[in-house]
Amino acid sequence: MKVLITGATGNVGVGLVPLLIENEDIESIGLMVRMKSAIPSFFYHPKCRLIFNDDNIKQSVKDYNAEVVLHLASYLTSSHDESVIDELLESNISFGTHLLDSLRDTNIRLFVNVGSFSEYHNQGNTYDPTYLYSATKHAFRSILKYYSEVGRYKTFHVVPYSIYGGLEPKKKIIDILIDALSSEHPIELSSGKQKLDFIHINDVVDFLNKLLMAEDQFDNQEIIHLGTGASTSLRELAGILESVTGKKLNVTWGAKRDRERDTVVSMSPISQYENLGWKPAIGIEDGLRKLLQLKRVL
């Protein structure tokens, strides 16, 4: 099997590639990267081929001729001011459309699109974007549906919940809480009552590795929610961090208003995983320990 991954240098891509290298069913891995990306050394493994996102992208994609595409590339932000509009449209809609057009007349049989739980503000499968980012991710689905029907290939939509556990350049709420363990001044936060489904990066990449090998387990156009089936409030998360480290977080809860259209509760349904014989393996406490060790806090 020939796999093509977009957004390969992101947190999920970097975690997934080593698993795909070890996967004997995968013949080669095409890794789409930006010219100025920091490229991990293992991307130069004999099974891997670097495909640069430049002026020759269309020909490069056709020449690689992937059978399966995993679309991880996106621009993520909760902001909706004018400064981010062009980047959201370019990264989340325009780039993906050019990619789909490049896949015409190739051997593609499966396109796995990775979205976000923020496309469903009120839970379930009813579309209701929390952010402009979420709206652009969902808009891409319509374009994908058109190209996949014309090209007659299968598509899955994977909807991850709150991924944590890696070293990402953009700080997420867990990173902010960890910073508060050693902060000299109180970090001002919202109410902290929001309950999110936190899934460790290792579980995410393990799931995607298995999903690429299980095309027959899900229906075409299926929406696959990827989480743990449990939710933890931000205040509960803070309590776990304090218990694990023996330190007190220097935070002021409620100093900031909750964000407009903030997610109050998110929790993934997990019945879909039964077909794969898969379930999340890392609980929130163990996952936080791993992250603290990675950040050299423990």
C-alpha atoms as a PDB file:
ATOM      1  CA  MET A   1       0.000   0.000   0.000  1.00  0.00           C
ATOM      2  CA  LYS A   2       1.220   3.478  -0.887  1.00  0.00           C
ATOM      3  CA  VAL A   3       0.136   6.126   1.650  1.00  0.00           C
ATOM      4  CA  LEU A   4       0.309   9.891   1.280  1.00  0.00           C
ATOM      5  CA  ILE A   5       0.178  12.093   4.400  1.00  0.00           C
ATOM      6  CA  THR A   6      -0.418  15.842   4.333  1.00  0.00           C
ATOM      7  CA  GLY A   7       0.642  17.925   7.324  1.00  0.00           C
ATOM      8  CA  ALA A   8       3.264  15.288   8.034  1.00  0.00           C
ATOM      9  CA  THR A   9       5.407  17.495  10.276  1.00  0.00           C
ATOM     10  CA  GLY A  10       2.514  18.239  12.633  1.00  0.00           C
ATOM     11  CA  ASN A  11       2.134  16.577  16.016  1.00  0.00           C
ATOM     12  CA  VAL A  12      -0.033  13.707  14.722  1.00  0.00           C
ATOM     13  CA  GLY A  13       2.050  13.136  11.587  1.00  0.00           C
ATOM     14  CA  VAL A  14       5.325  12.958  13.483  1.00  0.00           C
ATOM     15  CA  GLY A  15       3.801  10.450  15.899  1.00  0.00           C
ATOM     16  CA  LEU A  16       2.224   8.330  13.173  1.00  0.00           C
ATOM     17  CA  VAL A  17       5.082   7.978  10.693  1.00  0.00           C
ATOM     18  CA  PRO A  18       7.189   5.611  12.891  1.00  0.00           C
ATOM     19  CA  LEU A  19       4.179   3.250  13.171  1.00  0.00           C
ATOM     20  CA  LEU A  20       3.680   3.282   9.403  1.00  0.00           C
ATOM     21  CA  ILE A  21       7.377   2.612   8.829  1.00  0.00           C
ATOM     22  CA  GLU A  22       7.031  -0.529  10.976  1.00  0.00           C
ATOM     23  CA  ASN A  23       3.769  -1.559   9.279  1.00  0.00           C
ATOM     24  CA  GLU A  24       4.637  -4.359   6.865  1.00  0.00           C
ATOM     25  CA  ASP A  25       1.461  -3.775   4.826  1.00  0.00           C
ATOM     26  CA  ILE A  26       2.680  -0.324   3.816  1.00  0.00           C
ATOM     27  CA  GLU A  27       5.055  -0.209   0.897  1.00  0.00           C
ATOM     28  CA  SER A  28       5.901   3.492   0.973  1.00  0.00           C
ATOM     29  CA  ILE A  29       4.910   6.708   2.728  1.00  0.00           C
ATOM     30  CA  GLY A  30       4.689  10.004   0.874  1.00  0.00           C
ATOM     31  CA  LEU A  31       5.194  12.888   3.312  1.00  0.00           C
ATOM     32  CA  MET A  32       3.900  16.275   2.213  1.00  0.00           C
ATOM     33  CA  VAL A  33       5.873  19.054   3.909  1.00  0.00           C
ATOM     34  CA  ARG A  34       6.379  22.786   3.515  1.00  0.00           C
ATOM     35  CA  MET A  35       9.742  23.868   2.165  1.00  0.00           C
ATOM     36  CA  LYS A  36      10.760  25.539   5.447  1.00  0.00           C
ATOM     37  CA  SER A  37       9.458  22.813   7.762  1.00  0.00           C
ATOM     38  CA  ALA A  38      11.681  21.253  10.396  1.00  0.00           C
ATOM     39  CA  ILE A  39      11.948  17.692   9.046  1.00  0.00           C
ATOM     40  CA  PRO A  40      12.575  14.856  11.557  1.00  0.00           C
ATOM     41  CA  SER A  41      15.516  12.588  10.695  1.00  0.00           C
ATOM     42  CA  PHE A  42      13.319   9.472  10.419  1.00  0.00           C
ATOM     43  CA  PHE A  43      11.465  11.060   7.497  1.00  0.00           C
ATOM     44  CA  TYR A  44      14.524  10.060   5.466  1.00  0.00           C
ATOM     45  CA  HIS A  45      13.844   6.350   6.065  1.00  0.00           C
ATOM     46  CA  PRO A  46      13.978   4.245   2.841  1.00  0.00           C
ATOM     47  CA  LYS A  47      10.180   3.732   3.005  1.00  0.00           C
ATOM     48  CA  CYS A  48       9.545   7.475   3.063  1.00  0.00           C
ATOM     49  CA  ARG A  49       9.469   9.973   0.228  1.00  0.00           C
ATOM     50  CA  LEU A  50       9.380  13.713   0.828  1.00  0.00           C
ATOM     51  CA  ILE A  51       6.894  15.648  -1.301  1.00  0.00           C
ATOM     52  CA  PHE A  52       7.285  19.399  -0.968  1.00  0.00           C
ATOM     53  CA  ASN A  53       4.275  21.676  -1.053  1.00  0.00           C
ATOM     54  CA  ASP A  54       5.539  23.958  -3.809  1.00  0.00           C
ATOM     55  CA  ASP A  55       4.756  24.912  -7.404  1.00  0.00           C
ATOM     56  CA  ASN A  56       5.234  21.309  -8.557  1.00  0.00           C
ATOM     57  CA  ILE A  57       2.756  19.823  -6.077  1.00  0.00           C
ATOM     58  CA  LYS A  58       0.309  18.627  -8.729  1.00  0.00           C
ATOM     59  CA  GLN A  59       2.889  16.681 -10.693  1.00  0.00           C
ATOM     60  CA  SER A  60       4.570  15.383  -7.537  1.00  0.00           C
ATOM     61  CA  VAL A  61       1.275  13.995  -6.220  1.00  0.00           C
ATOM     62  CA  LYS A  62       0.467  12.367  -9.554  1.00  0.00           C
ATOM     63  CA  ASP A  63       3.953  10.861  -9.825  1.00  0.00           C
ATOM     64  CA  TYR A  64       3.745   9.416  -6.313  1.00  0.00           C
ATOM     65  CA  ASN A  65       0.356   7.846  -7.185  1.00  0.00           C
ATOM     66  CA  ALA A  66      -0.910   7.036  -3.685  1.00  0.00           C
ATOM     67  CA  GLU A  67      -3.612   4.475  -2.971  1.00  0.00           C
ATOM     68  CA  VAL A  68      -4.550   5.978   0.405  1.00  0.00           C
ATOM     69  CA  VAL A  69      -4.382   9.636   1.490  1.00  0.00           C
ATOM     70  CA  LEU A  70      -4.434  10.807   5.104  1.00  0.00           C
ATOM     71  CA  HIS A  71      -5.235  14.521   5.144  1.00  0.00           C
ATOM     72  CA  LEU A  72      -3.883  16.005   8.378  1.00  0.00           C
ATOM     73  CA  ALA A  73      -2.882  19.451   7.122  1.00  0.00           C
ATOM     74  CA  SER A  74      -4.852  22.367   8.549  1.00  0.00           C
ATOM     75  CA  TYR A  75      -4.568  25.783  10.135  1.00  0.00           C
ATOM     76  CA  LEU A  76      -6.105  25.735  13.614  1.00  0.00           C
ATOM     77  CA  THR A  77      -7.224  28.828  15.497  1.00  0.00           C
ATOM     78  CA  SER A  78     -10.190  29.803  17.635  1.00  0.00           C
ATOM     79  CA  SER A  79      -9.899  33.382  16.391  1.00  0.00           C
ATOM     80  CA  HIS A  80     -12.233  34.797  13.761  1.00  0.00           C
ATOM     81  CA  ASP A  81     -10.727  38.241  13.180  1.00  0.00           C
ATOM     82  CA  GLU A  82      -9.763  39.459   9.742  1.00  0.00           C
ATOM     83  CA  SER A  83      -6.076  38.590  10.150  1.00  0.00           C
ATOM     84  CA  VAL A  84      -6.707  34.823  10.035  1.00  0.00           C
ATOM     85  CA  ILE A  85      -9.300  34.609   7.252  1.00  0.00           C
ATOM     86  CA  ASP A  86      -6.881  34.223   4.345  1.00  0.00           C
ATOM     87  CA  GLU A  87      -4.789  31.594   6.149  1.00  0.00           C
ATOM     88  CA  LEU A  88      -7.895  29.592   7.110  1.00  0.00           C
ATOM     89  CA  LEU A  89      -9.205  29.615   3.542  1.00  0.00           C
ATOM     90  CA  GLU A  90      -5.813  28.815   2.031  1.00  0.00           C
ATOM     91  CA  SER A  91      -4.847  26.000   4.416  1.00  0.00           C
ATOM     92  CA  ASN A  92      -8.233  24.407   5.088  1.00  0.00           C
ATOM     93  CA  ILE A  93      -9.998  24.803   1.743  1.00  0.00           C
ATOM     94  CA  SER A  94      -7.747  25.912  -1.119  1.00  0.00           C
ATOM     95  CA  PHE A  95      -4.805  23.599  -0.402  1.00  0.00           C
ATOM     96  CA  GLY A  96      -7.088  20.584   0.043  1.00  0.00           C
ATOM     97  CA  THR A  97      -8.932  21.355  -3.191  1.00  0.00           C
ATOM     98  CA  HIS A  98      -5.688  21.527  -5.160  1.00  0.00           C
ATOM     99  CA  LEU A  99      -4.668  18.228  -3.567  1.00  0.00           C
ATOM    100  CA  LEU A 100      -7.947  16.571  -4.612  1.00  0.00           C
ATOM    101  CA  ASP A 101      -7.572  17.876  -8.142  1.00  0.00           C
ATOM    102  CA  SER A 102      -4.051  16.442  -8.243  1.00  0.00           C
ATOM    103  CA  LEU A 103      -5.409  13.006  -7.299  1.00  0.00           C
ATOM    104  CA  ARG A 104      -7.505  12.723 -10.446  1.00  0.00           C
ATOM    105  CA  ASP A 105      -6.455   9.795 -12.670  1.00  0.00           C
ATOM    106  CA  THR A 106      -4.359   8.232  -9.908  1.00  0.00           C
ATOM    107  CA  ASN A 107      -4.782   4.914  -8.065  1.00  0.00           C
ATOM    108  CA  ILE A 108      -6.404   6.450  -4.978  1.00  0.00           C
ATOM    109  CA  ARG A 109      -9.073   4.272  -3.360  1.00  0.00           C
ATOM    110  CA  LEU A 110      -9.398   5.851   0.117  1.00  0.00           C
ATOM    111  CA  PHE A 111      -9.183   9.444   1.372  1.00  0.00           C
ATOM    112  CA  VAL A 112      -9.149   9.879   5.163  1.00  0.00           C
ATOM    113  CA  ASN A 113     -10.037  13.444   6.124  1.00  0.00           C
ATOM    114  CA  VAL A 114      -9.232  14.579   9.658  1.00  0.00           C
ATOM    115  CA  GLY A 115     -11.535  17.267  11.041  1.00  0.00           C
ATOM    116  CA  SER A 116     -12.392  18.481  14.537  1.00  0.00           C
ATOM    117  CA  PHE A 117     -14.990  17.924  17.260  1.00  0.00           C
ATOM    118  CA  SER A 118     -15.516  21.710  17.128  1.00  0.00           C
ATOM    119  CA  GLU A 119     -17.548  21.123  13.961  1.00  0.00           C
ATOM    120  CA  TYR A 120     -20.278  19.866  16.350  1.00  0.00           C
ATOM    121  CA  HIS A 121     -20.748  22.560  18.961  1.00  0.00           C
ATOM    122  CA  ASN A 122     -23.690  20.799  20.610  1.00  0.00           C
ATOM    123  CA  GLN A 123     -22.390  17.222  20.393  1.00  0.00           C
ATOM    124  CA  GLY A 124     -23.656  14.435  18.146  1.00  0.00           C
ATOM    125  CA  ASN A 125     -23.591  14.474  14.348  1.00  0.00           C
ATOM    126  CA  THR A 126     -25.497  17.721  13.846  1.00  0.00           C
ATOM    127  CA  TYR A 127     -23.233  20.238  12.144  1.00  0.00           C
ATOM    128  CA  ASP A 128     -22.833  23.429  14.202  1.00  0.00           C
ATOM    129  CA  PRO A 129     -19.378  25.072  13.912  1.00  0.00           C
ATOM    130  CA  THR A 130     -17.870  26.474  17.096  1.00  0.00           C
ATOM    131  CA  TYR A 131     -15.276  28.588  15.266  1.00  0.00           C
ATOM    132  CA  LEU A 132     -14.614  29.932  11.785  1.00  0.00           C
ATOM    133  CA  TYR A 133     -11.882  27.266  11.700  1.00  0.00           C
ATOM    134  CA  SER A 134     -14.560  24.606  12.207  1.00  0.00           C
ATOM    135  CA  ALA A 135     -16.649  26.070   9.393  1.00  0.00           C
ATOM    136  CA  THR A 136     -13.727  25.921   6.946  1.00  0.00           C
ATOM    137  CA  LYS A 137     -12.981  22.300   7.893  1.00  0.00           C
ATOM    138  CA  HIS A 138     -16.591  21.366   7.283  1.00  0.00           C
ATOM    139  CA  ALA A 139     -16.765  23.307   4.020  1.00  0.00           C
ATOM    140  CA  PHE A 140     -13.923  21.178   2.686  1.00  0.00           C
ATOM    141  CA  ARG A 141     -16.094  18.085   3.129  1.00  0.00           C
ATOM    142  CA  SER A 142     -18.464  19.231   0.369  1.00  0.00           C
ATOM    143  CA  ILE A 143     -15.548  19.636  -2.012  1.00  0.00           C
ATOM    144  CA  LEU A 144     -14.193  16.232  -1.020  1.00  0.00           C
ATOM    145  CA  LYS A 145     -17.609  14.641  -1.603  1.00  0.00           C
ATOM    146  CA  TYR A 146     -17.681  16.011  -5.147  1.00  0.00           C
ATOM    147  CA  TYR A 147     -14.170  14.826  -6.032  1.00  0.00           C
ATOM    148  CA  SER A 148     -14.585  11.414  -4.391  1.00  0.00           C
ATOM    149  CA  GLU A 149     -17.825  10.753  -6.278  1.00  0.00           C
ATOM    150  CA  VAL A 150     -16.286  11.807  -9.571  1.00  0.00           C
ATOM    151  CA  GLY A 151     -13.163   9.759  -8.825  1.00  0.00           C
ATOM    152  CA  ARG A 152     -15.129   6.866  -7.296  1.00  0.00           C
ATOM    153  CA  TYR A 153     -13.044   6.437  -4.169  1.00  0.00           C
ATOM    154  CA  LYS A 154     -14.023   5.957  -0.554  1.00  0.00           C
ATOM    155  CA  THR A 155     -13.778   8.647   2.129  1.00  0.00           C
ATOM    156  CA  PHE A 156     -13.802   8.659   5.929  1.00  0.00           C
ATOM    157  CA  HIS A 157     -14.119  11.728   8.150  1.00  0.00           C
ATOM    158  CA  VAL A 158     -12.203  11.312  11.419  1.00  0.00           C
ATOM    159  CA  VAL A 159     -13.280  13.746  14.133  1.00  0.00           C
ATOM    160  CA  PRO A 160     -10.662  13.868  16.921  1.00  0.00           C
ATOM    161  CA  TYR A 161     -11.527  15.375  20.278  1.00  0.00           C
ATOM    162  CA  SER A 162      -9.002  17.264  22.447  1.00  0.00           C
ATOM    163  CA  ILE A 163      -5.607  15.831  21.503  1.00  0.00           C
ATOM    164  CA  TYR A 164      -2.765  16.267  23.983  1.00  0.00           C
ATOM    165  CA  GLY A 165       0.591  14.695  24.743  1.00  0.00           C
ATOM    166  CA  GLY A 166       3.052  16.147  22.242  1.00  0.00           C
ATOM    167  CA  LEU A 167       5.337  19.137  22.014  1.00  0.00           C
ATOM    168  CA  GLU A 168       3.384  21.536  19.829  1.00  0.00           C
ATOM    169  CA  PRO A 169       4.397  25.139  19.036  1.00  0.00           C
ATOM    170  CA  LYS A 170       0.900  26.420  19.821  1.00  0.00           C
ATOM    171  CA  LYS A 171       0.009  26.051  23.483  1.00  0.00           C
ATOM    172  CA  LYS A 172      -3.233  24.312  24.374  1.00  0.00           C
ATOM    173  CA  ILE A 173      -5.056  24.543  27.684  1.00  0.00           C
ATOM    174  CA  ILE A 174      -3.104  21.621  29.167  1.00  0.00           C
ATOM    175  CA  ASP A 175       0.181  23.358  28.339  1.00  0.00           C
ATOM    176  CA  ILE A 176      -1.069  26.556  29.976  1.00  0.00           C
ATOM    177  CA  LEU A 177      -2.020  24.643  33.119  1.00  0.00           C
ATOM    178  CA  ILE A 178       1.417  23.004  33.223  1.00  0.00           C
ATOM    179  CA  ASP A 179       3.039  26.432  32.895  1.00  0.00           C
ATOM    180  CA  ALA A 180       0.986  27.502  35.915  1.00  0.00           C
ATOM    181  CA  LEU A 181       2.857  24.957  38.045  1.00  0.00           C
ATOM    182  CA  SER A 182       5.920  27.197  37.966  1.00  0.00           C
ATOM    183  CA  SER A 183       4.447  30.590  37.166  1.00  0.00           C
ATOM    184  CA  GLU A 184       5.509  33.454  39.414  1.00  0.00           C
ATOM    185  CA  HIS A 185       2.327  35.398  38.692  1.00  0.00           C
ATOM    186  CA  PRO A 186      -1.213  33.992  38.641  1.00  0.00           C
ATOM    187  CA  ILE A 187      -2.422  32.935  35.198  1.00  0.00           C
ATOM    188  CA  GLU A 188      -5.883  34.284  34.555  1.00  0.00           C
ATOM    189  CA  LEU A 189      -8.302  31.713  33.158  1.00  0.00           C
ATOM    190  CA  SER A 190     -12.012  31.352  32.454  1.00  0.00           C
ATOM    191  CA  SER A 191     -14.432  29.474  34.722  1.00  0.00           C
ATOM    192  CA  GLY A 192     -12.706  26.121  34.201  1.00  0.00           C
ATOM    193  CA  LYS A 193     -16.050  24.342  34.203  1.00  0.00           C
ATOM    194  CA  GLN A 194     -15.759  23.277  30.560  1.00  0.00           C
ATOM    195  CA  LYS A 195     -15.645  19.469  30.261  1.00  0.00           C
ATOM    196  CA  LEU A 196     -13.607  18.066  27.374  1.00  0.00           C
ATOM    197  CA  ASP A 197     -12.765  14.618  26.067  1.00  0.00           C
ATOM    198  CA  PHE A 198      -8.955  14.524  26.195  1.00  0.00           C
ATOM    199  CA  ILE A 199      -7.301  11.839  24.059  1.00  0.00           C
ATOM    200  CA  HIS A 200      -3.568  11.167  24.167  1.00  0.00           C
ATOM    201  CA  ILE A 201      -1.555  11.535  20.962  1.00  0.00           C
ATOM    202  CA  ASN A 202      -0.359   7.911  21.218  1.00  0.00           C
ATOM    203  CA  ASP A 203      -3.963   6.684  21.088  1.00  0.00           C
ATOM    204  CA  VAL A 204      -4.702   8.947  18.126  1.00  0.00           C
ATOM    205  CA  VAL A 205      -1.813   7.675  16.010  1.00  0.00           C
ATOM    206  CA  ASP A 206      -2.488   4.070  17.012  1.00  0.00           C
ATOM    207  CA  PHE A 207      -6.094   4.451  15.843  1.00  0.00           C
ATOM    208  CA  LEU A 208      -5.124   6.030  12.515  1.00  0.00           C
ATOM    209  CA  ASN A 209      -2.567   3.291  11.858  1.00  0.00           C
ATOM    210  CA  LYS A 210      -5.263   0.650  12.343  1.00  0.00           C
ATOM    211  CA  LEU A 211      -7.863   2.617  10.389  1.00  0.00           C
ATOM    212  CA  LEU A 212      -5.695   2.720   7.273  1.00  0.00           C
ATOM    213  CA  MET A 213      -5.702  -1.078   7.354  1.00  0.00           C
ATOM    214  CA  ALA A 214      -9.475  -1.379   7.870  1.00  0.00           C
ATOM    215  CA  GLU A 215     -11.172   0.123   4.831  1.00  0.00           C
ATOM    216  CA  ASP A 216     -13.984  -2.438   4.945  1.00  0.00           C
ATOM    217  CA  GLN A 217     -14.899  -1.779   8.574  1.00  0.00           C
ATOM    218  CA  PHE A 218     -16.586   1.563   7.930  1.00  0.00           C
ATOM    219  CA  ASP A 219     -19.047   2.864   5.359  1.00  0.00           C
ATOM    220  CA  ASN A 220     -18.212   5.389   2.682  1.00  0.00           C
ATOM    221  CA  GLN A 221     -18.531   8.988   3.970  1.00  0.00           C
ATOM    222  CA  GLU A 222     -18.694   7.714   7.558  1.00  0.00           C
ATOM    223  CA  ILE A 223     -18.002  10.198  10.358  1.00  0.00           C
ATOM    224  CA  ILE A 224     -15.743   8.555  12.939  1.00  0.00           C
ATOM    225  CA  HIS A 225     -15.596  10.340  16.297  1.00  0.00           C
ATOM    226  CA  LEU A 226     -12.217   9.764  17.950  1.00  0.00           C
ATOM    227  CA  GLY A 227     -12.075  10.246  21.711  1.00  0.00           C
ATOM    228  CA  THR A 228     -12.123   8.307  24.967  1.00  0.00           C
ATOM    229  CA  GLY A 229     -15.826   8.423  25.770  1.00  0.00           C
ATOM    230  CA  ALA A 230     -15.102  10.334  28.993  1.00  0.00           C
ATOM    231  CA  SER A 231     -14.908  14.031  29.812  1.00  0.00           C
ATOM    232  CA  THR A 232     -12.798  15.945  32.326  1.00  0.00           C
ATOM    233  CA  SER A 233     -13.375  19.531  33.414  1.00  0.00           C
ATOM    234  CA  LEU A 234     -10.478  21.973  33.290  1.00  0.00           C
ATOM    235  CA  ARG A 235     -10.620  22.296  37.065  1.00  0.00           C
ATOM    236  CA  GLU A 236     -10.500  18.509  37.435  1.00  0.00           C
ATOM    237  CA  LEU A 237      -7.531  18.507  35.073  1.00  0.00           C
ATOM    238  CA  ALA A 238      -5.794  21.066  37.288  1.00  0.00           C
ATOM    239  CA  GLY A 239      -6.449  18.876  40.320  1.00  0.00           C
ATOM    240  CA  ILE A 240      -4.855  15.857  38.621  1.00  0.00           C
ATOM    241  CA  LEU A 241      -1.774  17.902  37.711  1.00  0.00           C
ATOM    242  CA  GLU A 242      -1.434  19.065  41.317  1.00  0.00           C
ATOM    243  CA  SER A 243      -1.806  15.502  42.597  1.00  0.00           C
ATOM    244  CA  VAL A 244       0.740  14.079  40.160  1.00  0.00           C
ATOM    245  CA  THR A 245       3.358  16.794  40.703  1.00  0.00           C
ATOM    246  CA  GLY A 246       2.737  17.697  44.328  1.00  0.00           C
ATOM    247  CA  LYS A 247       2.687  21.353  43.264  1.00  0.00           C
ATOM    248  CA  LYS A 248      -0.001  24.021  43.362  1.00  0.00           C
ATOM    249  CA  LEU A 249      -1.138  25.669  40.122  1.00  0.00           C
ATOM    250  CA  ASN A 250      -0.900  29.439  40.236  1.00  0.00           C
ATOM    251  CA  VAL A 251      -4.166  30.254  38.462  1.00  0.00           C
ATOM    252  CA  THR A 252      -7.121  32.544  38.983  1.00  0.00           C
ATOM    253  CA  TRP A 253     -10.287  30.821  37.824  1.00  0.00           C
ATOM    254  CA  GLY A 254     -13.011  33.071  36.462  1.00  0.00           C
ATOM    255  CA  ALA A 255     -10.681  36.031  35.864  1.00  0.00           C
ATOM    256  CA  LYS A 256     -11.600  35.856  32.185  1.00  0.00           C
ATOM    257  CA  ARG A 257     -15.049  35.455  30.696  1.00  0.00           C
ATOM    258  CA  ASP A 258     -15.757  32.125  29.021  1.00  0.00           C
ATOM    259  CA  ARG A 259     -15.108  32.417  25.298  1.00  0.00           C
ATOM    260  CA  GLU A 260     -18.090  33.140  23.063  1.00  0.00           C
ATOM    261  CA  ARG A 261     -19.575  29.839  21.846  1.00  0.00           C
ATOM    262  CA  ASP A 262     -17.169  27.985  24.119  1.00  0.00           C
ATOM    263  CA  THR A 263     -17.602  24.220  24.279  1.00  0.00           C
ATOM    264  CA  VAL A 264     -19.288  23.363  27.563  1.00  0.00           C
ATOM    265  CA  VAL A 265     -19.238  19.559  27.278  1.00  0.00           C
ATOM    266  CA  SER A 266     -17.618  17.264  24.725  1.00  0.00           C
ATOM    267  CA  MET A 267     -17.536  13.480  24.874  1.00  0.00           C
ATOM    268  CA  SER A 268     -16.961  11.102  21.988  1.00  0.00           C
ATOM    269  CA  PRO A 269     -19.218   8.104  21.333  1.00  0.00           C
ATOM    270  CA  ILE A 270     -16.988   5.035  21.260  1.00  0.00           C
ATOM    271  CA  SER A 271     -19.294   2.310  19.911  1.00  0.00           C
ATOM    272  CA  GLN A 272     -17.807   2.790  16.424  1.00  0.00           C
ATOM    273  CA  TYR A 273     -14.502   1.332  17.556  1.00  0.00           C
ATOM    274  CA  GLU A 274     -15.944  -2.115  18.211  1.00  0.00           C
ATOM    275  CA  ASN A 275     -15.503  -3.051  14.548  1.00  0.00           C
ATOM    276  CA  LEU A 276     -11.777  -2.359  14.829  1.00  0.00           C
ATOM    277  CA  GLY A 277     -11.288  -4.127  18.122  1.00  0.00           C
ATOM    278  CA  TRP A 278      -9.652  -0.906  19.342  1.00  0.00           C
ATOM    279  CA  LYS A 279     -10.083   1.280  22.384  1.00  0.00           C
ATOM    280  CA  PRO A 280      -8.053   4.119  23.956  1.00  0.00           C
ATOM    281  CA  ALA A 281      -5.271   2.726  26.110  1.00  0.00           C
ATOM    282  CA  ILE A 282      -4.066   5.810  27.976  1.00  0.00           C
ATOM    283  CA  GLY A 283      -6.132   7.325  30.794  1.00  0.00           C
ATOM    284  CA  ILE A 284      -5.938  11.012  31.606  1.00  0.00           C
ATOM    285  CA  GLU A 285      -3.655  10.623  34.643  1.00  0.00           C
ATOM    286  CA  ASP A 286      -1.172   8.370  32.824  1.00  0.00           C
ATOM    287  CA  GLY A 287      -1.323  10.652  29.802  1.00  0.00           C
ATOM    288  CA  LEU A 288      -0.534  13.713  31.901  1.00  0.00           C
ATOM    289  CA  ARG A 289       2.395  11.883  33.500  1.00  0.00           C
ATOM    290  CA  LYS A 290       3.776  11.115  30.045  1.00  0.00           C
ATOM    291  CA  LEU A 291       3.410  14.739  28.983  1.00  0.00           C
ATOM    292  CA  LEU A 292       5.034  16.043  32.170  1.00  0.00           C
ATOM    293  CA  GLN A 293       7.961  13.678  31.605  1.00  0.00           C
ATOM    294  CA  LEU A 294       8.212  14.815  27.973  1.00  0.00           C
ATOM    295  CA  LYS A 295       8.314  18.421  29.132  1.00  0.00           C
ATOM    296  CA  ARG A 296      10.794  17.421  31.840  1.00  0.00           C
ATOM    297  CA  VAL A 297       8.521  18.656  34.579  1.00  0.00           C
ATOM    298  CA  LEU A 298       8.608  15.249  36.323  1.00  0.00           C
END
